[in-house]
Amino acid sequence: MLSTTCKTGIKAVLYLAKFVDPNDKKSIQDIADQIGESQHTVSKVLQTLVKEGIINSNKGPNGGFYITKTQSQQPLIKIVKSIDGMEVFKTCGLGLMKCTAVKPCPIHFQYEKAKKTVEDLLTQNKICTLSESVINKTSFLIN
């Protein structure tokens, strides 16, 4: 349902949320290594997230990416909106253009429930809450 780019964005933000100190900036290389993604993909995603105000960046020798405590209070859905948009929760599970309750695809009604569940999960969970499990090593961002 979520694009690979969006999943990369979520992982990158959750990684950054482990360090809610503007003085503890992380490089693209560091973030890519810690979440198991390519530097190119991470770079593009981080640019979008900075533009949307979800994270911050500074250029220069002491530059890098970081997230503030206030920014870490945002729900994950903001990341999804920035990268995939909310259309992901409105599309047909089989990719049909005119899938409706009146003329449904074979998985329409079950997929509607699944989309609602995922949207609720992303809306109800804050970045800081999920990053705590990464900090505590009860969940992971890389295999």
C-alpha atoms as a PDB file:
ATOM      1  CA  MET A   1       0.000   0.000   0.000  1.00  0.00           C
ATOM      2  CA  LEU A   2       2.738   2.501   0.924  1.00  0.00           C
ATOM      3  CA  SER A   3       5.462   3.107  -1.628  1.00  0.00           C
ATOM      4  CA  THR A   4       9.009   1.961  -0.984  1.00  0.00           C
ATOM      5  CA  THR A   5      10.018   5.631  -0.904  1.00  0.00           C
ATOM      6  CA  CYS A   6       7.451   6.336   1.803  1.00  0.00           C
ATOM      7  CA  LYS A   7       8.621   3.371   3.884  1.00  0.00           C
ATOM      8  CA  THR A   8      12.180   4.683   3.544  1.00  0.00           C
ATOM      9  CA  GLY A   9      11.005   8.086   4.763  1.00  0.00           C
ATOM     10  CA  ILE A  10       9.310   6.596   7.799  1.00  0.00           C
ATOM     11  CA  LYS A  11      12.394   4.561   8.699  1.00  0.00           C
ATOM     12  CA  ALA A  12      14.676   7.587   8.247  1.00  0.00           C
ATOM     13  CA  VAL A  13      12.511   9.777  10.481  1.00  0.00           C
ATOM     14  CA  LEU A  14      12.226   7.086  13.155  1.00  0.00           C
ATOM     15  CA  TYR A  15      16.004   6.738  13.090  1.00  0.00           C
ATOM     16  CA  LEU A  16      16.493  10.509  13.435  1.00  0.00           C
ATOM     17  CA  ALA A  17      13.985  10.600  16.298  1.00  0.00           C
ATOM     18  CA  LYS A  18      16.429   8.559  18.359  1.00  0.00           C
ATOM     19  CA  PHE A  19      18.511  11.765  18.543  1.00  0.00           C
ATOM     20  CA  VAL A  20      16.216  14.718  19.299  1.00  0.00           C
ATOM     21  CA  ASP A  21      19.120  17.114  19.731  1.00  0.00           C
ATOM     22  CA  PRO A  22      19.783  19.736  17.032  1.00  0.00           C
ATOM     23  CA  ASN A  23      23.496  19.341  17.781  1.00  0.00           C
ATOM     24  CA  ASP A  24      23.390  15.624  16.942  1.00  0.00           C
ATOM     25  CA  LYS A  25      23.029  15.787  13.162  1.00  0.00           C
ATOM     26  CA  LYS A  26      23.222  12.719  10.966  1.00  0.00           C
ATOM     27  CA  SER A  27      24.634  12.456   7.460  1.00  0.00           C
ATOM     28  CA  ILE A  28      22.849  10.865   4.529  1.00  0.00           C
ATOM     29  CA  GLN A  29      25.458   8.085   4.613  1.00  0.00           C
ATOM     30  CA  ASP A  30      24.809   7.398   8.307  1.00  0.00           C
ATOM     31  CA  ILE A  31      21.034   7.338   7.869  1.00  0.00           C
ATOM     32  CA  ALA A  32      21.228   5.131   4.759  1.00  0.00           C
ATOM     33  CA  ASP A  33      23.523   2.675   6.540  1.00  0.00           C
ATOM     34  CA  GLN A  34      21.328   2.516   9.647  1.00  0.00           C
ATOM     35  CA  ILE A  35      18.104   1.828   7.744  1.00  0.00           C
ATOM     36  CA  GLY A  36      19.545  -0.338   4.962  1.00  0.00           C
ATOM     37  CA  GLU A  37      18.621   1.899   2.045  1.00  0.00           C
ATOM     38  CA  SER A  38      20.552   3.545  -0.786  1.00  0.00           C
ATOM     39  CA  GLN A  39      22.034   6.994  -0.251  1.00  0.00           C
ATOM     40  CA  HIS A  40      20.328   8.225  -3.410  1.00  0.00           C
ATOM     41  CA  THR A  41      16.846   7.253  -2.204  1.00  0.00           C
ATOM     42  CA  VAL A  42      17.478   8.564   1.308  1.00  0.00           C
ATOM     43  CA  SER A  43      18.760  11.858  -0.076  1.00  0.00           C
ATOM     44  CA  LYS A  44      15.638  12.441  -2.180  1.00  0.00           C
ATOM     45  CA  VAL A  45      13.298  11.496   0.646  1.00  0.00           C
ATOM     46  CA  LEU A  46      15.066  13.689   3.196  1.00  0.00           C
ATOM     47  CA  GLN A  47      14.857  16.704   0.874  1.00  0.00           C
ATOM     48  CA  THR A  48      11.083  16.258   0.706  1.00  0.00           C
ATOM     49  CA  LEU A  49      10.787  15.861   4.476  1.00  0.00           C
ATOM     50  CA  VAL A  50      12.840  19.008   5.117  1.00  0.00           C
ATOM     51  CA  LYS A  51      10.727  20.958   2.637  1.00  0.00           C
ATOM     52  CA  GLU A  52       7.575  19.828   4.470  1.00  0.00           C
ATOM     53  CA  GLY A  53       9.012  20.763   7.890  1.00  0.00           C
ATOM     54  CA  ILE A  54       8.980  17.230   9.245  1.00  0.00           C
ATOM     55  CA  ILE A  55      12.754  17.265   9.827  1.00  0.00           C
ATOM     56  CA  ASN A  56      15.533  19.855   9.524  1.00  0.00           C
ATOM     57  CA  SER A  57      18.900  20.101   7.854  1.00  0.00           C
ATOM     58  CA  ASN A  58      21.991  22.283   7.988  1.00  0.00           C
ATOM     59  CA  LYS A  59      24.684  22.552   5.364  1.00  0.00           C
ATOM     60  CA  GLY A  60      28.389  22.821   5.947  1.00  0.00           C
ATOM     61  CA  PRO A  61      31.080  20.934   7.830  1.00  0.00           C
ATOM     62  CA  ASN A  62      28.866  20.438  10.890  1.00  0.00           C
ATOM     63  CA  GLY A  63      25.730  19.953   8.823  1.00  0.00           C
ATOM     64  CA  GLY A  64      23.349  17.077   8.543  1.00  0.00           C
ATOM     65  CA  PHE A  65      19.788  16.099   9.291  1.00  0.00           C
ATOM     66  CA  TYR A  66      17.983  16.241  12.609  1.00  0.00           C
ATOM     67  CA  ILE A  67      14.554  16.345  14.200  1.00  0.00           C
ATOM     68  CA  THR A  68      13.463  18.447  17.166  1.00  0.00           C
ATOM     69  CA  LYS A  69      11.451  17.208  20.116  1.00  0.00           C
ATOM     70  CA  THR A  70       8.450  19.211  18.857  1.00  0.00           C
ATOM     71  CA  GLN A  71       8.750  17.696  15.376  1.00  0.00           C
ATOM     72  CA  SER A  72       8.939  14.212  16.887  1.00  0.00           C
ATOM     73  CA  GLN A  73       5.414  14.753  18.270  1.00  0.00           C
ATOM     74  CA  GLN A  74       4.000  14.634  14.728  1.00  0.00           C
ATOM     75  CA  PRO A  75       1.930  11.633  13.636  1.00  0.00           C
ATOM     76  CA  LEU A  76       3.392   9.324  10.998  1.00  0.00           C
ATOM     77  CA  ILE A  77       0.598  10.275   8.605  1.00  0.00           C
ATOM     78  CA  LYS A  78       2.422  13.575   7.947  1.00  0.00           C
ATOM     79  CA  ILE A  79       5.278  11.611   6.404  1.00  0.00           C
ATOM     80  CA  VAL A  80       2.847   9.659   4.229  1.00  0.00           C
ATOM     81  CA  LYS A  81       1.075  12.873   3.135  1.00  0.00           C
ATOM     82  CA  SER A  82       4.432  14.407   2.192  1.00  0.00           C
ATOM     83  CA  ILE A  83       5.674  11.487   0.134  1.00  0.00           C
ATOM     84  CA  ASP A  84       2.729   9.427  -1.164  1.00  0.00           C
ATOM     85  CA  GLY A  85      -0.160  11.775  -0.502  1.00  0.00           C
ATOM     86  CA  MET A  86      -3.502  10.673   0.865  1.00  0.00           C
ATOM     87  CA  GLU A  87      -4.573   9.199  -2.488  1.00  0.00           C
ATOM     88  CA  VAL A  88      -2.998   5.938  -1.350  1.00  0.00           C
ATOM     89  CA  PHE A  89      -6.011   5.484   0.954  1.00  0.00           C
ATOM     90  CA  LYS A  90      -8.506   6.123  -1.824  1.00  0.00           C
ATOM     91  CA  THR A  91      -7.262   3.860  -4.607  1.00  0.00           C
ATOM     92  CA  CYS A  92      -8.457   0.398  -5.546  1.00  0.00           C
ATOM     93  CA  GLY A  93      -6.433  -2.527  -4.220  1.00  0.00           C
ATOM     94  CA  LEU A  94      -6.286  -4.004  -7.715  1.00  0.00           C
ATOM     95  CA  GLY A  95      -5.615  -0.701  -9.446  1.00  0.00           C
ATOM     96  CA  LEU A  96      -9.006  -0.352 -11.129  1.00  0.00           C
ATOM     97  CA  MET A  97      -9.932   3.204 -12.050  1.00  0.00           C
ATOM     98  CA  LYS A  98     -13.641   2.917 -11.244  1.00  0.00           C
ATOM     99  CA  CYS A  99     -13.853   0.640  -8.235  1.00  0.00           C
ATOM    100  CA  THR A 100     -16.767   1.589  -5.978  1.00  0.00           C
ATOM    101  CA  ALA A 101     -19.131  -0.045  -3.512  1.00  0.00           C
ATOM    102  CA  VAL A 102     -21.686  -0.150  -6.345  1.00  0.00           C
ATOM    103  CA  LYS A 103     -19.234  -1.712  -8.814  1.00  0.00           C
ATOM    104  CA  PRO A 104     -16.519  -3.267  -6.611  1.00  0.00           C
ATOM    105  CA  CYS A 105     -13.411  -5.220  -7.505  1.00  0.00           C
ATOM    106  CA  PRO A 106     -13.143  -8.719  -5.947  1.00  0.00           C
ATOM    107  CA  ILE A 107     -11.259  -7.417  -2.874  1.00  0.00           C
ATOM    108  CA  HIS A 108     -12.970  -4.013  -2.546  1.00  0.00           C
ATOM    109  CA  PHE A 109     -14.694  -4.400   0.826  1.00  0.00           C
ATOM    110  CA  GLN A 110     -11.821  -6.164   2.589  1.00  0.00           C
ATOM    111  CA  TYR A 111      -9.294  -3.715   1.146  1.00  0.00           C
ATOM    112  CA  GLU A 112     -11.379  -0.751   2.346  1.00  0.00           C
ATOM    113  CA  LYS A 113     -11.108  -2.112   5.903  1.00  0.00           C
ATOM    114  CA  ALA A 114      -7.356  -2.666   5.533  1.00  0.00           C
ATOM    115  CA  LYS A 115      -6.796   0.874   4.225  1.00  0.00           C
ATOM    116  CA  LYS A 116      -8.772   2.315   7.141  1.00  0.00           C
ATOM    117  CA  THR A 117      -6.757   0.250   9.626  1.00  0.00           C
ATOM    118  CA  VAL A 118      -3.436   1.424   8.153  1.00  0.00           C
ATOM    119  CA  GLU A 119      -4.581   5.049   7.972  1.00  0.00           C
ATOM    120  CA  ASP A 120      -5.686   4.912  11.633  1.00  0.00           C
ATOM    121  CA  LEU A 121      -2.363   3.356  12.656  1.00  0.00           C
ATOM    122  CA  LEU A 122      -0.429   6.130  10.914  1.00  0.00           C
ATOM    123  CA  THR A 123      -2.686   8.852  12.301  1.00  0.00           C
ATOM    124  CA  GLN A 124      -2.689   7.625  15.903  1.00  0.00           C
ATOM    125  CA  ASN A 125       1.034   6.888  16.249  1.00  0.00           C
ATOM    126  CA  LYS A 126       3.513   9.682  16.824  1.00  0.00           C
ATOM    127  CA  ILE A 127       7.080   9.572  15.587  1.00  0.00           C
ATOM    128  CA  CYS A 128       8.440   9.771  19.151  1.00  0.00           C
ATOM    129  CA  THR A 129       6.292   6.883  20.377  1.00  0.00           C
ATOM    130  CA  LEU A 130       7.493   4.487  17.693  1.00  0.00           C
ATOM    131  CA  SER A 131      11.103   5.626  17.931  1.00  0.00           C
ATOM    132  CA  GLU A 132      11.095   4.630  21.613  1.00  0.00           C
ATOM    133  CA  SER A 133      10.794   0.979  20.628  1.00  0.00           C
ATOM    134  CA  VAL A 134      13.813   1.412  18.334  1.00  0.00           C
ATOM    135  CA  ILE A 135      15.758   3.084  21.159  1.00  0.00           C
ATOM    136  CA  ASN A 136      14.763   0.260  23.530  1.00  0.00           C
ATOM    137  CA  LYS A 137      15.689  -2.322  20.873  1.00  0.00           C
ATOM    138  CA  THR A 138      12.263  -3.949  20.941  1.00  0.00           C
ATOM    139  CA  SER A 139      11.857  -3.093  17.252  1.00  0.00           C
ATOM    140  CA  PHE A 140      14.293  -2.537  14.398  1.00  0.00           C
ATOM    141  CA  LEU A 141      14.735  -0.447  11.237  1.00  0.00           C
ATOM    142  CA  ILE A 142      17.040  -2.857   9.398  1.00  0.00           C
ATOM    143  CA  ASN A 143      17.191  -6.651   8.974  1.00  0.00           C
END
